[in-house]
Amino acid sequence: MASCLAQTVDGYLVVQAPQPVDVSTCTAVLLSGPEYLVAANPVLRPLTMDQGVQISVAFMLLWAVAFVFRQLRLGYFSSAKEEVQP
């Protein structure tokens, strides 16, 4: 969770207690690692395990379908060559 920081008279940053609802009023905002990754690059968000499994299964299915089509193509052309040659 993001923590709101306030600057003291000496120039130090301290965590405000209690945390304000609106972080736009903070002097600085301290983010955790995952929060920073999401804020820094909103396109590449971290995946959950379920999302990772779904993507990997989709790639495996795509590969399997391509493999089947390749085998069918090789089988068709090899049988066509055998029929043409006496």
PDB file of N, CA and C in Angstrom:
ATOM      1  N   MET A   1       0.843  -1.173   0.000  1.00  0.00           N
ATOM      2  CA  MET A   1       0.000   0.000   0.000  1.00  0.00           C
ATOM      3  C   MET A   1       0.885   1.232   0.000  1.00  0.00           C
ATOM      4  N   ALA A   2       0.505   2.232  -0.738  1.00  0.00           N
ATOM      5  CA  ALA A   2       1.263   3.469  -0.808  1.00  0.00           C
ATOM      6  C   ALA A   2       1.195   4.205   0.524  1.00  0.00           C
ATOM      7  N   SER A   3       2.332   4.744   0.919  1.00  0.00           N
ATOM      8  CA  SER A   3       2.400   5.497   2.181  1.00  0.00           C
ATOM      9  C   SER A   3       2.635   6.962   1.869  1.00  0.00           C
ATOM     10  N   CYS A   4       1.903   7.809   2.552  1.00  0.00           N
ATOM     11  CA  CYS A   4       2.031   9.250   2.380  1.00  0.00           C
ATOM     12  C   CYS A   4       3.142   9.758   3.305  1.00  0.00           C
ATOM     13  N   LEU A   5       4.066  10.534   2.737  1.00  0.00           N
ATOM     14  CA  LEU A   5       5.171  11.088   3.512  1.00  0.00           C
ATOM     15  C   LEU A   5       5.018  12.598   3.625  1.00  0.00           C
ATOM     16  N   ALA A   6       5.411  13.134   4.760  1.00  0.00           N
ATOM     17  CA  ALA A   6       5.385  14.579   4.988  1.00  0.00           C
ATOM     18  C   ALA A   6       6.797  15.029   5.329  1.00  0.00           C
ATOM     19  N   GLN A   7       7.129  16.249   4.938  1.00  0.00           N
ATOM     20  CA  GLN A   7       8.458  16.775   5.212  1.00  0.00           C
ATOM     21  C   GLN A   7       8.442  17.580   6.507  1.00  0.00           C
ATOM     22  N   THR A   8       9.402  17.290   7.376  1.00  0.00           N
ATOM     23  CA  THR A   8       9.505  18.024   8.640  1.00  0.00           C
ATOM     24  C   THR A   8      10.240  19.331   8.411  1.00  0.00           C
ATOM     25  N   VAL A   9      10.330  20.153   9.455  1.00  0.00           N
ATOM     26  CA  VAL A   9      11.028  21.434   9.375  1.00  0.00           C
ATOM     27  C   VAL A   9      12.516  21.214   9.082  1.00  0.00           C
ATOM     28  N   ASP A  10      13.079  20.107   9.586  1.00  0.00           N
ATOM     29  CA  ASP A  10      14.491  19.804   9.372  1.00  0.00           C
ATOM     30  C   ASP A  10      14.765  19.268   7.970  1.00  0.00           C
ATOM     31  N   GLY A  11      13.722  18.971   7.201  1.00  0.00           N
ATOM     32  CA  GLY A  11      13.908  18.456   5.848  1.00  0.00           C
ATOM     33  C   GLY A  11      13.788  16.952   5.738  1.00  0.00           C
ATOM     34  N   TYR A  12      13.494  16.271   6.834  1.00  0.00           N
ATOM     35  CA  TYR A  12      13.331  14.819   6.813  1.00  0.00           C
ATOM     36  C   TYR A  12      11.936  14.448   6.338  1.00  0.00           C
ATOM     37  N   LEU A  13      11.833  13.265   5.731  1.00  0.00           N
ATOM     38  CA  LEU A  13      10.530  12.743   5.338  1.00  0.00           C
ATOM     39  C   LEU A  13      10.077  11.746   6.381  1.00  0.00           C
ATOM     40  N   VAL A  14       8.856  11.921   6.877  1.00  0.00           N
ATOM     41  CA  VAL A  14       8.282  11.001   7.859  1.00  0.00           C
ATOM     42  C   VAL A  14       6.916  10.532   7.354  1.00  0.00           C
ATOM     43  N   VAL A  15       6.563   9.322   7.738  1.00  0.00           N
ATOM     44  CA  VAL A  15       5.267   8.760   7.351  1.00  0.00           C
ATOM     45  C   VAL A  15       4.180   9.445   8.147  1.00  0.00           C
ATOM     46  N   GLN A  16       3.152   9.919   7.432  1.00  0.00           N
ATOM     47  CA  GLN A  16       2.032  10.580   8.108  1.00  0.00           C
ATOM     48  C   GLN A  16       1.150   9.544   8.784  1.00  0.00           C
ATOM     49  N   ALA A  17       0.721   9.869   9.969  1.00  0.00           N
ATOM     50  CA  ALA A  17      -0.224   9.016  10.680  1.00  0.00           C
ATOM     51  C   ALA A  17      -1.348   9.904  11.177  1.00  0.00           C
ATOM     52  N   PRO A  18      -2.561   9.655  10.871  1.00  0.00           N
ATOM     53  CA  PRO A  18      -3.114   8.635   9.976  1.00  0.00           C
ATOM     54  C   PRO A  18      -2.906   9.022   8.511  1.00  0.00           C
ATOM     55  N   GLN A  19      -2.958   8.039   7.651  1.00  0.00           N
ATOM     56  CA  GLN A  19      -2.768   8.258   6.215  1.00  0.00           C
ATOM     57  C   GLN A  19      -3.971   9.002   5.637  1.00  0.00           C
ATOM     58  N   PRO A  20      -3.720  10.031   4.823  1.00  0.00           N
ATOM     59  CA  PRO A  20      -4.853  10.748   4.207  1.00  0.00           C
ATOM     60  C   PRO A  20      -5.497   9.896   3.112  1.00  0.00           C
ATOM     61  N   VAL A  21      -6.737  10.204   2.817  1.00  0.00           N
ATOM     62  CA  VAL A  21      -7.462   9.480   1.781  1.00  0.00           C
ATOM     63  C   VAL A  21      -6.939   9.880   0.408  1.00  0.00           C
ATOM     64  N   ASP A  22      -6.649  11.145   0.207  1.00  0.00           N
ATOM     65  CA  ASP A  22      -6.172  11.656  -1.079  1.00  0.00           C
ATOM     66  C   ASP A  22      -4.655  11.834  -1.012  1.00  0.00           C
ATOM     67  N   VAL A  23      -3.901  11.057  -1.809  1.00  0.00           N
ATOM     68  CA  VAL A  23      -2.441  11.137  -1.758  1.00  0.00           C
ATOM     69  C   VAL A  23      -1.890  12.352  -2.507  1.00  0.00           C
ATOM     70  N   SER A  24      -2.742  13.096  -3.190  1.00  0.00           N
ATOM     71  CA  SER A  24      -2.256  14.294  -3.890  1.00  0.00           C
ATOM     72  C   SER A  24      -1.852  15.397  -2.908  1.00  0.00           C
ATOM     73  N   THR A  25      -2.260  15.279  -1.665  1.00  0.00           N
ATOM     74  CA  THR A  25      -1.883  16.279  -0.660  1.00  0.00           C
ATOM     75  C   THR A  25      -0.551  15.956   0.006  1.00  0.00           C
ATOM     76  N   CYS A  26       0.061  14.821  -0.332  1.00  0.00           N
ATOM     77  CA  CYS A  26       1.318  14.392   0.296  1.00  0.00           C
ATOM     78  C   CYS A  26       2.514  15.112  -0.328  1.00  0.00           C
ATOM     79  N   THR A  27       3.571  15.261   0.460  1.00  0.00           N
ATOM     80  CA  THR A  27       4.827  15.787  -0.058  1.00  0.00           C
ATOM     81  C   THR A  27       5.472  14.760  -0.970  1.00  0.00           C
ATOM     82  N   ALA A  28       5.461  13.500  -0.543  1.00  0.00           N
ATOM     83  CA  ALA A  28       5.987  12.395  -1.339  1.00  0.00           C
ATOM     84  C   ALA A  28       5.154  11.161  -1.055  1.00  0.00           C
ATOM     85  N   VAL A  29       5.168  10.226  -1.995  1.00  0.00           N
ATOM     86  CA  VAL A  29       4.433   8.982  -1.833  1.00  0.00           C
ATOM     87  C   VAL A  29       5.426   7.835  -1.961  1.00  0.00           C
ATOM     88  N   LEU A  30       5.432   6.944  -0.974  1.00  0.00           N
ATOM     89  CA  LEU A  30       6.323   5.790  -0.957  1.00  0.00           C
ATOM     90  C   LEU A  30       5.554   4.580  -1.470  1.00  0.00           C
ATOM     91  N   LEU A  31       6.065   3.961  -2.555  1.00  0.00           N
ATOM     92  CA  LEU A  31       5.399   2.819  -3.178  1.00  0.00           C
ATOM     93  C   LEU A  31       6.175   1.541  -2.915  1.00  0.00           C
ATOM     94  N   SER A  32       5.455   0.423  -2.869  1.00  0.00           N
ATOM     95  CA  SER A  32       6.119  -0.880  -2.784  1.00  0.00           C
ATOM     96  C   SER A  32       6.595  -1.263  -4.192  1.00  0.00           C
ATOM     97  N   GLY A  33       7.343  -2.349  -4.298  1.00  0.00           N
ATOM     98  CA  GLY A  33       7.868  -2.786  -5.588  1.00  0.00           C
ATOM     99  C   GLY A  33       6.795  -3.032  -6.634  1.00  0.00           C
ATOM    100  N   PRO A  34       5.778  -3.873  -6.334  1.00  0.00           N
ATOM    101  CA  PRO A  34       4.731  -4.108  -7.328  1.00  0.00           C
ATOM    102  C   PRO A  34       3.930  -2.854  -7.680  1.00  0.00           C
ATOM    103  N   GLU A  35       3.695  -1.996  -6.701  1.00  0.00           N
ATOM    104  CA  GLU A  35       2.962  -0.751  -6.986  1.00  0.00           C
ATOM    105  C   GLU A  35       3.765   0.139  -7.931  1.00  0.00           C
ATOM    106  N   TYR A  36       5.085   0.176  -7.730  1.00  0.00           N
ATOM    107  CA  TYR A  36       5.932   0.989  -8.602  1.00  0.00           C
ATOM    108  C   TYR A  36       5.930   0.443 -10.029  1.00  0.00           C
ATOM    109  N   LEU A  37       5.993  -0.882 -10.181  1.00  0.00           N
ATOM    110  CA  LEU A  37       5.982  -1.476 -11.519  1.00  0.00           C
ATOM    111  C   LEU A  37       4.696  -1.143 -12.266  1.00  0.00           C
ATOM    112  N   VAL A  38       3.574  -1.155 -11.564  1.00  0.00           N
ATOM    113  CA  VAL A  38       2.294  -0.832 -12.200  1.00  0.00           C
ATOM    114  C   VAL A  38       2.247   0.653 -12.556  1.00  0.00           C
ATOM    115  N   ALA A  39       2.743   1.504 -11.659  1.00  0.00           N
ATOM    116  CA  ALA A  39       2.705   2.947 -11.911  1.00  0.00           C
ATOM    117  C   ALA A  39       3.695   3.342 -13.003  1.00  0.00           C
ATOM    118  N   ALA A  40       4.861   2.694 -13.048  1.00  0.00           N
ATOM    119  CA  ALA A  40       5.888   3.056 -14.016  1.00  0.00           C
ATOM    120  C   ALA A  40       5.544   2.567 -15.415  1.00  0.00           C
ATOM    121  N   ASN A  41       4.911   1.410 -15.540  1.00  0.00           N
ATOM    122  CA  ASN A  41       4.596   0.849 -16.845  1.00  0.00           C
ATOM    123  C   ASN A  41       3.193   0.242 -16.802  1.00  0.00           C
ATOM    124  N   PRO A  42       2.167   1.034 -17.082  1.00  0.00           N
ATOM    125  CA  PRO A  42       0.803   0.521 -16.974  1.00  0.00           C
ATOM    126  C   PRO A  42       0.446  -0.508 -18.046  1.00  0.00           C
ATOM    127  N   VAL A  43       1.251  -0.631 -19.111  1.00  0.00           N
ATOM    128  CA  VAL A  43       0.945  -1.588 -20.170  1.00  0.00           C
ATOM    129  C   VAL A  43       1.308  -3.005 -19.725  1.00  0.00           C
ATOM    130  N   LEU A  44       2.469  -3.178 -19.104  1.00  0.00           N
ATOM    131  CA  LEU A  44       2.933  -4.496 -18.677  1.00  0.00           C
ATOM    132  C   LEU A  44       2.665  -4.697 -17.197  1.00  0.00           C
ATOM    133  N   ARG A  45       1.476  -5.078 -16.876  1.00  0.00           N
ATOM    134  CA  ARG A  45       1.119  -5.312 -15.484  1.00  0.00           C
ATOM    135  C   ARG A  45       1.560  -6.717 -15.074  1.00  0.00           C
ATOM    136  N   PRO A  46       1.886  -6.912 -13.809  1.00  0.00           N
ATOM    137  CA  PRO A  46       2.246  -8.255 -13.349  1.00  0.00           C
ATOM    138  C   PRO A  46       1.071  -9.217 -13.515  1.00  0.00           C
ATOM    139  N   LEU A  47       1.366 -10.454 -13.910  1.00  0.00           N
ATOM    140  CA  LEU A  47       0.326 -11.454 -14.124  1.00  0.00           C
ATOM    141  C   LEU A  47       0.086 -12.265 -12.863  1.00  0.00           C
ATOM    142  N   THR A  48      -1.147 -12.699 -12.710  1.00  0.00           N
ATOM    143  CA  THR A  48      -1.444 -13.661 -11.658  1.00  0.00           C
ATOM    144  C   THR A  48      -1.073 -15.048 -12.184  1.00  0.00           C
ATOM    145  N   MET A  49      -1.075 -16.048 -11.308  1.00  0.00           N
ATOM    146  CA  MET A  49      -0.769 -17.413 -11.737  1.00  0.00           C
ATOM    147  C   MET A  49      -1.788 -17.894 -12.767  1.00  0.00           C
ATOM    148  N   ASP A  50      -3.059 -17.585 -12.555  1.00  0.00           N
ATOM    149  CA  ASP A  50      -4.093 -18.031 -13.490  1.00  0.00           C
ATOM    150  C   ASP A  50      -3.890 -17.412 -14.872  1.00  0.00           C
ATOM    151  N   GLN A  51      -3.551 -16.139 -14.926  1.00  0.00           N
ATOM    152  CA  GLN A  51      -3.325 -15.479 -16.207  1.00  0.00           C
ATOM    153  C   GLN A  51      -2.102 -16.068 -16.912  1.00  0.00           C
ATOM    154  N   GLY A  52      -1.060 -16.371 -16.161  1.00  0.00           N
ATOM    155  CA  GLY A  52       0.126 -16.984 -16.744  1.00  0.00           C
ATOM    156  C   GLY A  52      -0.162 -18.362 -17.313  1.00  0.00           C
ATOM    157  N   VAL A  53      -0.967 -19.134 -16.592  1.00  0.00           N
ATOM    158  CA  VAL A  53      -1.342 -20.464 -17.073  1.00  0.00           C
ATOM    159  C   VAL A  53      -2.186 -20.350 -18.336  1.00  0.00           C
ATOM    160  N   GLN A  54      -3.112 -19.398 -18.372  1.00  0.00           N
ATOM    161  CA  GLN A  54      -3.953 -19.223 -19.556  1.00  0.00           C
ATOM    162  C   GLN A  54      -3.110 -18.873 -20.777  1.00  0.00           C
ATOM    163  N   ILE A  55      -2.138 -18.005 -20.613  1.00  0.00           N
ATOM    164  CA  ILE A  55      -1.286 -17.616 -21.737  1.00  0.00           C
ATOM    165  C   ILE A  55      -0.444 -18.799 -22.196  1.00  0.00           C
ATOM    166  N   SER A  56       0.120 -19.558 -21.262  1.00  0.00           N
ATOM    167  CA  SER A  56       0.956 -20.694 -21.656  1.00  0.00           C
ATOM    168  C   SER A  56       0.130 -21.788 -22.338  1.00  0.00           C
ATOM    169  N   VAL A  57      -1.095 -22.032 -21.870  1.00  0.00           N
ATOM    170  CA  VAL A  57      -1.959 -23.021 -22.511  1.00  0.00           C
ATOM    171  C   VAL A  57      -2.329 -22.557 -23.920  1.00  0.00           C
ATOM    172  N   ALA A  58      -2.578 -21.278 -24.095  1.00  0.00           N
ATOM    173  CA  ALA A  58      -2.900 -20.757 -25.425  1.00  0.00           C
ATOM    174  C   ALA A  58      -1.725 -20.952 -26.380  1.00  0.00           C
ATOM    175  N   PHE A  59      -0.501 -20.716 -25.922  1.00  0.00           N
ATOM    176  CA  PHE A  59       0.675 -20.932 -26.772  1.00  0.00           C
ATOM    177  C   PHE A  59       0.841 -22.413 -27.121  1.00  0.00           C
ATOM    178  N   MET A  60       0.623 -23.292 -26.142  1.00  0.00           N
ATOM    179  CA  MET A  60       0.755 -24.729 -26.419  1.00  0.00           C
ATOM    180  C   MET A  60      -0.298 -25.202 -27.420  1.00  0.00           C
ATOM    181  N   LEU A  61      -1.525 -24.715 -27.292  1.00  0.00           N
ATOM    182  CA  LEU A  61      -2.571 -25.083 -28.246  1.00  0.00           C
ATOM    183  C   LEU A  61      -2.256 -24.563 -29.644  1.00  0.00           C
ATOM    184  N   LEU A  62      -1.758 -23.334 -29.726  1.00  0.00           N
ATOM    185  CA  LEU A  62      -1.378 -22.776 -31.018  1.00  0.00           C
ATOM    186  C   LEU A  62      -0.278 -23.614 -31.661  1.00  0.00           C
ATOM    187  N   TRP A  63       0.719 -24.014 -30.871  1.00  0.00           N
ATOM    188  CA  TRP A  63       1.799 -24.832 -31.386  1.00  0.00           C
ATOM    189  C   TRP A  63       1.270 -26.187 -31.850  1.00  0.00           C
ATOM    190  N   ALA A  64       0.374 -26.788 -31.079  1.00  0.00           N
ATOM    191  CA  ALA A  64      -0.172 -28.094 -31.433  1.00  0.00           C
ATOM    192  C   ALA A  64      -0.970 -28.032 -32.733  1.00  0.00           C
ATOM    193  N   VAL A  65      -1.768 -27.006 -32.904  1.00  0.00           N
ATOM    194  CA  VAL A  65      -2.549 -26.854 -34.138  1.00  0.00           C
ATOM    195  C   VAL A  65      -1.607 -26.649 -35.323  1.00  0.00           C
ATOM    196  N   ALA A  66      -0.584 -25.839 -35.167  1.00  0.00           N
ATOM    197  CA  ALA A  66       0.379 -25.624 -36.251  1.00  0.00           C
ATOM    198  C   ALA A  66       1.108 -26.924 -36.581  1.00  0.00           C
ATOM    199  N   PHE A  67       1.440 -27.716 -35.568  1.00  0.00           N
ATOM    200  CA  PHE A  67       2.119 -28.983 -35.799  1.00  0.00           C
ATOM    201  C   PHE A  67       1.228 -29.938 -36.591  1.00  0.00           C
ATOM    202  N   VAL A  68      -0.057 -29.998 -36.247  1.00  0.00           N
ATOM    203  CA  VAL A  68      -0.992 -30.877 -36.955  1.00  0.00           C
ATOM    204  C   VAL A  68      -1.117 -30.442 -38.404  1.00  0.00           C
ATOM    205  N   PHE A  69      -1.256 -29.147 -38.653  1.00  0.00           N
ATOM    206  CA  PHE A  69      -1.349 -28.665 -40.030  1.00  0.00           C
ATOM    207  C   PHE A  69      -0.072 -28.959 -40.812  1.00  0.00           C
ATOM    208  N   ARG A  70       1.061 -28.851 -40.157  1.00  0.00           N
ATOM    209  CA  ARG A  70       2.326 -29.153 -40.827  1.00  0.00           C
ATOM    210  C   ARG A  70       2.390 -30.628 -41.196  1.00  0.00           C
ATOM    211  N   GLN A  71       1.982 -31.500 -40.285  1.00  0.00           N
ATOM    212  CA  GLN A  71       1.998 -32.933 -40.575  1.00  0.00           C
ATOM    213  C   GLN A  71       1.028 -33.268 -41.706  1.00  0.00           C
ATOM    214  N   LEU A  72      -0.133 -32.639 -41.708  1.00  0.00           N
ATOM    215  CA  LEU A  72      -1.091 -32.874 -42.796  1.00  0.00           C
ATOM    216  C   LEU A  72      -0.538 -32.406 -44.131  1.00  0.00           C
ATOM    217  N   ARG A  73       0.121 -31.237 -44.119  1.00  0.00           N
ATOM    218  CA  ARG A  73       0.703 -30.709 -45.354  1.00  0.00           C
ATOM    219  C   ARG A  73       1.811 -31.623 -45.860  1.00  0.00           C
ATOM    220  N   LEU A  74       2.687 -32.076 -44.974  1.00  0.00           N
ATOM    221  CA  LEU A  74       3.769 -32.969 -45.376  1.00  0.00           C
ATOM    222  C   LEU A  74       3.223 -34.301 -45.884  1.00  0.00           C
ATOM    223  N   GLY A  75       2.201 -34.807 -45.242  1.00  0.00           N
ATOM    224  CA  GLY A  75       1.589 -36.058 -45.686  1.00  0.00           C
ATOM    225  C   GLY A  75       0.918 -35.923 -47.033  1.00  0.00           C
ATOM    226  N   TYR A  76       0.257 -34.816 -47.277  1.00  0.00           N
ATOM    227  CA  TYR A  76      -0.427 -34.596 -48.550  1.00  0.00           C
ATOM    228  C   TYR A  76       0.574 -34.486 -49.687  1.00  0.00           C
ATOM    229  N   PHE A  77       1.630 -33.688 -49.498  1.00  0.00           N
ATOM    230  CA  PHE A  77       2.593 -33.496 -50.571  1.00  0.00           C
ATOM    231  C   PHE A  77       3.438 -34.738 -50.808  1.00  0.00           C
ATOM    232  N   SER A  78       3.727 -35.524 -49.784  1.00  0.00           N
ATOM    233  CA  SER A  78       4.507 -36.719 -49.981  1.00  0.00           C
ATOM    234  C   SER A  78       3.685 -37.782 -50.731  1.00  0.00           C
ATOM    235  N   SER A  79       2.379 -37.862 -50.451  1.00  0.00           N
ATOM    236  CA  SER A  79       1.533 -38.820 -51.169  1.00  0.00           C
ATOM    237  C   SER A  79       1.304 -38.352 -52.613  1.00  0.00           C
ATOM    238  N   ALA A  80       1.250 -37.040 -52.838  1.00  0.00           N
ATOM    239  CA  ALA A  80       1.074 -36.522 -54.202  1.00  0.00           C
ATOM    240  C   ALA A  80       2.305 -36.815 -55.043  1.00  0.00           C
ATOM    241  N   LYS A  81       3.495 -36.724 -54.467  1.00  0.00           N
ATOM    242  CA  LYS A  81       4.728 -37.020 -55.209  1.00  0.00           C
ATOM    243  C   LYS A  81       4.815 -38.503 -55.565  1.00  0.00           C
ATOM    244  N   GLU A  82       4.367 -39.379 -54.650  1.00  0.00           N
ATOM    245  CA  GLU A  82       4.401 -40.813 -54.923  1.00  0.00           C
ATOM    246  C   GLU A  82       3.461 -41.198 -56.041  1.00  0.00           C
ATOM    247  N   GLU A  83       2.325 -40.540 -56.175  1.00  0.00           N
ATOM    248  CA  GLU A  83       1.361 -40.849 -57.220  1.00  0.00           C
ATOM    249  C   GLU A  83       1.854 -40.384 -58.586  1.00  0.00           C
ATOM    250  N   VAL A  84       2.576 -39.280 -58.654  1.00  0.00           N
ATOM    251  CA  VAL A  84       3.036 -38.730 -59.933  1.00  0.00           C
ATOM    252  C   VAL A  84       4.157 -39.573 -60.492  1.00  0.00           C
ATOM    253  N   GLN A  85       5.071 -40.034 -59.674  1.00  0.00           N
ATOM    254  CA  GLN A  85       6.205 -40.824 -60.170  1.00  0.00           C
ATOM    255  C   GLN A  85       5.777 -42.262 -60.434  1.00  0.00           C
ATOM    256  N   PRO A  86       6.145 -42.818 -61.609  1.00  0.00           N
ATOM    257  CA  PRO A  86       5.754 -44.210 -61.923  1.00  0.00           C
ATOM    258  C   PRO A  86       6.605 -45.232 -61.182  1.00  0.00           C
TER     259      PRO A  86
END
